[in-house]
Structures are given as C-alpha cells and as structure tokens.
Amino acid sequence: MTAREFIRNHAYPVLATASTLSFILIAISLLPIAHWARNQNDCIERTFRSDGTNNAGMPSKVWSCNGGGN
C-alpha cells in the first residue's frame, strides 16, 4: 500500500474523528458560560426592581445581578 492509497483510504475517518473531537471540546468549553447564563436568568427573575413601567426595571435588574448597586 502506497502513501497515497493510505491517505485516500483513511482521510475521511480521520477528518470525521477530528471534527467530532473538536465539536465535543467546544461544547465542553461552553459549559461554564451556560452555567453563568442560567444563574443570571434566575437572579433576574428573583430580583424585584421597578420604575413604574414594565421594561424600565430590566436594566437595573441586570446591573444588580452583575454585582452593581446595593
């Protein structure tokens, strides 16, 4: 078997394996961001701040959940 035949016969499985491993590593690296986003959403839902309108309180809720304010 020549090198060209070896590459031709094994190129797709090697590329598929590399692609799958890359996908898994990227998914694992995004887990901390998903955890942070879940915590942020929970905090925003529990925080009660209102300026008298429905949407005016959202920026202050986000600000409070990110460590700002009292």
PDB file of N, CA and C in Angstrom:
ATOM      1  N   MET A   1       0.852  -1.172   0.000  1.00  0.00           N
ATOM      2  CA  MET A   1       0.000   0.000   0.000  1.00  0.00           C
ATOM      3  C   MET A   1       0.905   1.245   0.000  1.00  0.00           C
ATOM      4  N   THR A   2       0.666   2.118  -0.929  1.00  0.00           N
ATOM      5  CA  THR A   2       1.463   3.335  -1.006  1.00  0.00           C
ATOM      6  C   THR A   2       0.879   4.390  -0.078  1.00  0.00           C
ATOM      7  N   ALA A   3       1.645   5.439   0.108  1.00  0.00           N
ATOM      8  CA  ALA A   3       1.196   6.527   0.984  1.00  0.00           C
ATOM      9  C   ALA A   3      -0.065   7.178   0.438  1.00  0.00           C
ATOM     10  N   ARG A   4      -0.130   7.313  -0.863  1.00  0.00           N
ATOM     11  CA  ARG A   4      -1.313   7.927  -1.474  1.00  0.00           C
ATOM     12  C   ARG A   4      -2.559   7.073  -1.230  1.00  0.00           C
ATOM     13  N   GLU A   5      -2.453   5.771  -1.358  1.00  0.00           N
ATOM     14  CA  GLU A   5      -3.584   4.878  -1.100  1.00  0.00           C
ATOM     15  C   GLU A   5      -3.977   4.905   0.377  1.00  0.00           C
ATOM     16  N   PHE A   6      -2.979   4.951   1.236  1.00  0.00           N
ATOM     17  CA  PHE A   6      -3.263   5.007   2.670  1.00  0.00           C
ATOM     18  C   PHE A   6      -4.055   6.276   3.007  1.00  0.00           C
ATOM     19  N   ILE A   7      -3.601   7.402   2.478  1.00  0.00           N
ATOM     20  CA  ILE A   7      -4.302   8.670   2.744  1.00  0.00           C
ATOM     21  C   ILE A   7      -5.692   8.637   2.145  1.00  0.00           C
ATOM     22  N   ARG A   8      -5.809   8.128   0.931  1.00  0.00           N
ATOM     23  CA  ARG A   8      -7.109   8.068   0.269  1.00  0.00           C
ATOM     24  C   ARG A   8      -8.087   7.189   1.052  1.00  0.00           C
ATOM     25  N   ASN A   9      -7.595   6.110   1.634  1.00  0.00           N
ATOM     26  CA  ASN A   9      -8.469   5.187   2.364  1.00  0.00           C
ATOM     27  C   ASN A   9      -8.806   5.659   3.776  1.00  0.00           C
ATOM     28  N   HIS A  10      -7.950   6.484   4.362  1.00  0.00           N
ATOM     29  CA  HIS A  10      -8.152   6.858   5.763  1.00  0.00           C
ATOM     30  C   HIS A  10      -8.428   8.346   5.990  1.00  0.00           C
ATOM     31  N   ALA A  11      -8.479   9.133   4.962  1.00  0.00           N
ATOM     32  CA  ALA A  11      -8.654  10.574   5.132  1.00  0.00           C
ATOM     33  C   ALA A  11     -10.009  10.923   5.751  1.00  0.00           C
ATOM     34  N   TYR A  12     -11.086  10.356   5.237  1.00  0.00           N
ATOM     35  CA  TYR A  12     -12.413  10.705   5.750  1.00  0.00           C
ATOM     36  C   TYR A  12     -12.624  10.274   7.200  1.00  0.00           C
ATOM     37  N   PRO A  13     -12.231   9.068   7.586  1.00  0.00           N
ATOM     38  CA  PRO A  13     -12.393   8.716   9.001  1.00  0.00           C
ATOM     39  C   PRO A  13     -11.554   9.603   9.931  1.00  0.00           C
ATOM     40  N   VAL A  14     -10.342   9.947   9.508  1.00  0.00           N
ATOM     41  CA  VAL A  14      -9.500  10.812  10.343  1.00  0.00           C
ATOM     42  C   VAL A  14     -10.124  12.195  10.463  1.00  0.00           C
ATOM     43  N   LEU A  15     -10.598  12.751   9.354  1.00  0.00           N
ATOM     44  CA  LEU A  15     -11.238  14.068   9.405  1.00  0.00           C
ATOM     45  C   LEU A  15     -12.534  14.037  10.207  1.00  0.00           C
ATOM     46  N   ALA A  16     -13.301  12.967  10.080  1.00  0.00           N
ATOM     47  CA  ALA A  16     -14.539  12.849  10.855  1.00  0.00           C
ATOM     48  C   ALA A  16     -14.245  12.765  12.349  1.00  0.00           C
ATOM     49  N   THR A  17     -13.206  12.032  12.711  1.00  0.00           N
ATOM     50  CA  THR A  17     -12.821  11.926  14.118  1.00  0.00           C
ATOM     51  C   THR A  17     -12.351  13.272  14.650  1.00  0.00           C
ATOM     52  N   ALA A  18     -11.541  13.971  13.878  1.00  0.00           N
ATOM     53  CA  ALA A  18     -11.054  15.290  14.303  1.00  0.00           C
ATOM     54  C   ALA A  18     -12.211  16.267  14.449  1.00  0.00           C
ATOM     55  N   SER A  19     -13.163  16.221  13.536  1.00  0.00           N
ATOM     56  CA  SER A  19     -14.318  17.107  13.607  1.00  0.00           C
ATOM     57  C   SER A  19     -15.168  16.812  14.838  1.00  0.00           C
ATOM     58  N   THR A  20     -15.392  15.547  15.120  1.00  0.00           N
ATOM     59  CA  THR A  20     -16.189  15.158  16.284  1.00  0.00           C
ATOM     60  C   THR A  20     -15.503  15.574  17.582  1.00  0.00           C
ATOM     61  N   LEU A  21     -14.205  15.351  17.665  1.00  0.00           N
ATOM     62  CA  LEU A  21     -13.470  15.750  18.870  1.00  0.00           C
ATOM     63  C   LEU A  21     -13.502  17.262  19.062  1.00  0.00           C
ATOM     64  N   SER A  22     -13.385  18.003  17.976  1.00  0.00           N
ATOM     65  CA  SER A  22     -13.451  19.461  18.069  1.00  0.00           C
ATOM     66  C   SER A  22     -14.812  19.909  18.577  1.00  0.00           C
ATOM     67  N   PHE A  23     -15.870  19.298  18.056  1.00  0.00           N
ATOM     68  CA  PHE A  23     -17.220  19.633  18.491  1.00  0.00           C
ATOM     69  C   PHE A  23     -17.398  19.360  19.977  1.00  0.00           C
ATOM     70  N   ILE A  24     -16.903  18.230  20.440  1.00  0.00           N
ATOM     71  CA  ILE A  24     -17.026  17.870  21.860  1.00  0.00           C
ATOM     72  C   ILE A  24     -16.245  18.843  22.734  1.00  0.00           C
ATOM     73  N   LEU A  25     -15.032  19.195  22.326  1.00  0.00           N
ATOM     74  CA  LEU A  25     -14.227  20.135  23.114  1.00  0.00           C
ATOM     75  C   LEU A  25     -14.859  21.517  23.177  1.00  0.00           C
ATOM     76  N   ILE A  26     -15.430  21.971  22.070  1.00  0.00           N
ATOM     77  CA  ILE A  26     -16.102  23.272  22.070  1.00  0.00           C
ATOM     78  C   ILE A  26     -17.324  23.230  22.981  1.00  0.00           C
ATOM     79  N   ALA A  27     -18.090  22.150  22.913  1.00  0.00           N
ATOM     80  CA  ALA A  27     -19.270  22.029  23.773  1.00  0.00           C
ATOM     81  C   ALA A  27     -18.881  22.035  25.243  1.00  0.00           C
ATOM     82  N   ILE A  28     -17.808  21.347  25.590  1.00  0.00           N
ATOM     83  CA  ILE A  28     -17.342  21.312  26.982  1.00  0.00           C
ATOM     84  C   ILE A  28     -16.865  22.687  27.421  1.00  0.00           C
ATOM     85  N   SER A  29     -16.197  23.407  26.531  1.00  0.00           N
ATOM     86  CA  SER A  29     -15.687  24.721  26.907  1.00  0.00           C
ATOM     87  C   SER A  29     -16.810  25.741  27.089  1.00  0.00           C
ATOM     88  N   LEU A  30     -17.986  25.498  26.526  1.00  0.00           N
ATOM     89  CA  LEU A  30     -19.115  26.417  26.673  1.00  0.00           C
ATOM     90  C   LEU A  30     -19.960  26.141  27.916  1.00  0.00           C
ATOM     91  N   LEU A  31     -19.705  25.055  28.615  1.00  0.00           N
ATOM     92  CA  LEU A  31     -20.493  24.733  29.804  1.00  0.00           C
ATOM     93  C   LEU A  31     -20.436  25.808  30.887  1.00  0.00           C
ATOM     94  N   PRO A  32     -19.266  26.403  31.198  1.00  0.00           N
ATOM     95  CA  PRO A  32     -19.266  27.467  32.204  1.00  0.00           C
ATOM     96  C   PRO A  32     -20.114  28.678  31.805  1.00  0.00           C
ATOM     97  N   ILE A  33     -20.157  28.997  30.533  1.00  0.00           N
ATOM     98  CA  ILE A  33     -20.985  30.115  30.071  1.00  0.00           C
ATOM     99  C   ILE A  33     -22.459  29.778  30.235  1.00  0.00           C
ATOM    100  N   ALA A  34     -22.833  28.552  29.943  1.00  0.00           N
ATOM    101  CA  ALA A  34     -24.222  28.131  30.118  1.00  0.00           C
ATOM    102  C   ALA A  34     -24.619  28.177  31.594  1.00  0.00           C
ATOM    103  N   HIS A  35     -23.709  27.774  32.459  1.00  0.00           N
ATOM    104  CA  HIS A  35     -23.982  27.821  33.903  1.00  0.00           C
ATOM    105  C   HIS A  35     -24.156  29.268  34.366  1.00  0.00           C
ATOM    106  N   TRP A  36     -23.285  30.162  33.911  1.00  0.00           N
ATOM    107  CA  TRP A  36     -23.387  31.566  34.276  1.00  0.00           C
ATOM    108  C   TRP A  36     -24.706  32.160  33.773  1.00  0.00           C
ATOM    109  N   ALA A  37     -25.086  31.846  32.529  1.00  0.00           N
ATOM    110  CA  ALA A  37     -26.327  32.383  31.967  1.00  0.00           C
ATOM    111  C   ALA A  37     -27.539  31.896  32.759  1.00  0.00           C
ATOM    112  N   ARG A  38     -27.521  30.641  33.169  1.00  0.00           N
ATOM    113  CA  ARG A  38     -28.634  30.110  33.977  1.00  0.00           C
ATOM    114  C   ARG A  38     -28.725  30.849  35.308  1.00  0.00           C
ATOM    115  N   ASN A  39     -27.574  31.102  35.937  1.00  0.00           N
ATOM    116  CA  ASN A  39     -27.570  31.842  37.202  1.00  0.00           C
ATOM    117  C   ASN A  39     -28.060  33.265  37.007  1.00  0.00           C
ATOM    118  N   GLN A  40     -27.650  33.911  35.914  1.00  0.00           N
ATOM    119  CA  GLN A  40     -28.099  35.270  35.632  1.00  0.00           C
ATOM    120  C   GLN A  40     -29.612  35.314  35.454  1.00  0.00           C
ATOM    121  N   ASN A  41     -30.165  34.366  34.692  1.00  0.00           N
ATOM    122  CA  ASN A  41     -31.611  34.346  34.474  1.00  0.00           C
ATOM    123  C   ASN A  41     -32.362  34.125  35.781  1.00  0.00           C
ATOM    124  N   ASP A  42     -31.867  33.230  36.623  1.00  0.00           N
ATOM    125  CA  ASP A  42     -32.509  33.001  37.916  1.00  0.00           C
ATOM    126  C   ASP A  42     -32.467  34.264  38.774  1.00  0.00           C
ATOM    127  N   CYS A  43     -31.330  34.931  38.784  1.00  0.00           N
ATOM    128  CA  CYS A  43     -31.196  36.149  39.583  1.00  0.00           C
ATOM    129  C   CYS A  43     -32.142  37.235  39.081  1.00  0.00           C
ATOM    130  N   ILE A  44     -32.214  37.405  37.775  1.00  0.00           N
ATOM    131  CA  ILE A  44     -33.079  38.443  37.207  1.00  0.00           C
ATOM    132  C   ILE A  44     -34.543  38.143  37.509  1.00  0.00           C
ATOM    133  N   GLU A  45     -34.938  36.877  37.456  1.00  0.00           N
ATOM    134  CA  GLU A  45     -36.323  36.521  37.765  1.00  0.00           C
ATOM    135  C   GLU A  45     -36.652  36.758  39.239  1.00  0.00           C
ATOM    136  N   ARG A  46     -35.686  36.578  40.132  1.00  0.00           N
ATOM    137  CA  ARG A  46     -35.934  36.753  41.570  1.00  0.00           C
ATOM    138  C   ARG A  46     -35.834  38.204  42.013  1.00  0.00           C
ATOM    139  N   THR A  47     -35.132  39.033  41.245  1.00  0.00           N
ATOM    140  CA  THR A  47     -34.909  40.413  41.640  1.00  0.00           C
ATOM    141  C   THR A  47     -36.145  41.242  41.336  1.00  0.00           C
ATOM    142  N   PHE A  48     -36.567  42.032  42.314  1.00  0.00           N
ATOM    143  CA  PHE A  48     -37.714  42.902  42.115  1.00  0.00           C
ATOM    144  C   PHE A  48     -37.237  44.340  42.124  1.00  0.00           C
ATOM    145  N   ARG A  49     -37.265  44.950  40.964  1.00  0.00           N
ATOM    146  CA  ARG A  49     -36.987  46.380  40.828  1.00  0.00           C
ATOM    147  C   ARG A  49     -37.925  46.903  39.765  1.00  0.00           C
ATOM    148  N   SER A  50     -38.537  47.983  40.033  1.00  0.00           N
ATOM    149  CA  SER A  50     -39.470  48.534  39.061  1.00  0.00           C
ATOM    150  C   SER A  50     -39.408  50.051  39.104  1.00  0.00           C
ATOM    151  N   ASP A  51     -39.483  50.639  37.928  1.00  0.00           N
ATOM    152  CA  ASP A  51     -39.518  52.090  37.817  1.00  0.00           C
ATOM    153  C   ASP A  51     -40.924  52.562  37.472  1.00  0.00           C
ATOM    154  N   GLY A  52     -41.908  51.709  37.622  1.00  0.00           N
ATOM    155  CA  GLY A  52     -43.276  52.074  37.311  1.00  0.00           C
ATOM    156  C   GLY A  52     -43.726  51.595  35.943  1.00  0.00           C
ATOM    157  N   THR A  53     -42.804  51.153  35.121  1.00  0.00           N
ATOM    158  CA  THR A  53     -43.166  50.597  33.816  1.00  0.00           C
ATOM    159  C   THR A  53     -42.704  49.151  33.767  1.00  0.00           C
ATOM    160  N   ASN A  54     -43.173  48.428  32.782  1.00  0.00           N
ATOM    161  CA  ASN A  54     -42.839  47.002  32.702  1.00  0.00           C
ATOM    162  C   ASN A  54     -41.378  46.753  32.350  1.00  0.00           C
ATOM    163  N   ASN A  55     -40.813  47.517  31.417  1.00  0.00           N
ATOM    164  CA  ASN A  55     -39.481  47.234  30.925  1.00  0.00           C
ATOM    165  C   ASN A  55     -38.390  48.109  31.529  1.00  0.00           C
ATOM    166  N   ALA A  56     -38.757  49.152  32.234  1.00  0.00           N
ATOM    167  CA  ALA A  56     -37.754  50.084  32.754  1.00  0.00           C
ATOM    168  C   ALA A  56     -36.888  49.441  33.831  1.00  0.00           C
ATOM    169  N   GLY A  57     -37.402  48.422  34.505  1.00  0.00           N
ATOM    170  CA  GLY A  57     -36.656  47.801  35.579  1.00  0.00           C
ATOM    171  C   GLY A  57     -35.643  46.766  35.129  1.00  0.00           C
ATOM    172  N   MET A  58     -35.688  46.336  33.874  1.00  0.00           N
ATOM    173  CA  MET A  58     -34.799  45.273  33.417  1.00  0.00           C
ATOM    174  C   MET A  58     -33.327  45.679  33.475  1.00  0.00           C
ATOM    175  N   PRO A  59     -32.928  46.861  33.001  1.00  0.00           N
ATOM    176  CA  PRO A  59     -31.501  47.216  33.105  1.00  0.00           C
ATOM    177  C   PRO A  59     -31.003  47.256  34.543  1.00  0.00           C
ATOM    178  N   SER A  60     -31.819  47.722  35.446  1.00  0.00           N
ATOM    179  CA  SER A  60     -31.374  47.777  36.839  1.00  0.00           C
ATOM    180  C   SER A  60     -31.296  46.379  37.444  1.00  0.00           C
ATOM    181  N   LYS A  61     -32.153  45.466  37.005  1.00  0.00           N
ATOM    182  CA  LYS A  61     -32.069  44.084  37.471  1.00  0.00           C
ATOM    183  C   LYS A  61     -30.769  43.440  37.003  1.00  0.00           C
ATOM    184  N   VAL A  62     -30.445  43.626  35.725  1.00  0.00           N
ATOM    185  CA  VAL A  62     -29.212  43.061  35.184  1.00  0.00           C
ATOM    186  C   VAL A  62     -28.012  43.662  35.890  1.00  0.00           C
ATOM    187  N   TRP A  63     -28.051  44.962  36.110  1.00  0.00           N
ATOM    188  CA  TRP A  63     -26.958  45.652  36.790  1.00  0.00           C
ATOM    189  C   TRP A  63     -26.785  45.101  38.209  1.00  0.00           C
ATOM    190  N   SER A  64     -27.890  44.883  38.884  1.00  0.00           N
ATOM    191  CA  SER A  64     -27.841  44.366  40.247  1.00  0.00           C
ATOM    192  C   SER A  64     -27.298  42.931  40.268  1.00  0.00           C
ATOM    193  N   CYS A  65     -27.705  42.102  39.330  1.00  0.00           N
ATOM    194  CA  CYS A  65     -27.251  40.710  39.300  1.00  0.00           C
ATOM    195  C   CYS A  65     -25.786  40.590  38.877  1.00  0.00           C
ATOM    196  N   ASN A  66     -25.258  41.594  38.228  1.00  0.00           N
ATOM    197  CA  ASN A  66     -23.845  41.569  37.833  1.00  0.00           C
ATOM    198  C   ASN A  66     -22.941  42.163  38.891  1.00  0.00           C
ATOM    199  N   GLY A  67     -23.495  42.465  40.060  1.00  0.00           N
ATOM    200  CA  GLY A  67     -22.670  42.941  41.160  1.00  0.00           C
ATOM    201  C   GLY A  67     -22.728  44.428  41.398  1.00  0.00           C
ATOM    202  N   GLY A  68     -23.525  45.132  40.641  1.00  0.00           N
ATOM    203  CA  GLY A  68     -23.625  46.577  40.843  1.00  0.00           C
ATOM    204  C   GLY A  68     -24.715  46.915  41.839  1.00  0.00           C
ATOM    205  N   GLY A  69     -24.667  48.074  42.353  1.00  0.00           N
ATOM    206  CA  GLY A  69     -25.729  48.536  43.238  1.00  0.00           C
ATOM    207  C   GLY A  69     -25.639  47.962  44.641  1.00  0.00           C
ATOM    208  N   ASN A  70     -26.698  48.188  45.377  1.00  0.00           N
ATOM    209  CA  ASN A  70     -26.754  47.734  46.764  1.00  0.00           C
ATOM    210  C   ASN A  70     -27.533  46.453  46.883  1.00  0.00           C
TER     211      ASN A  70
END
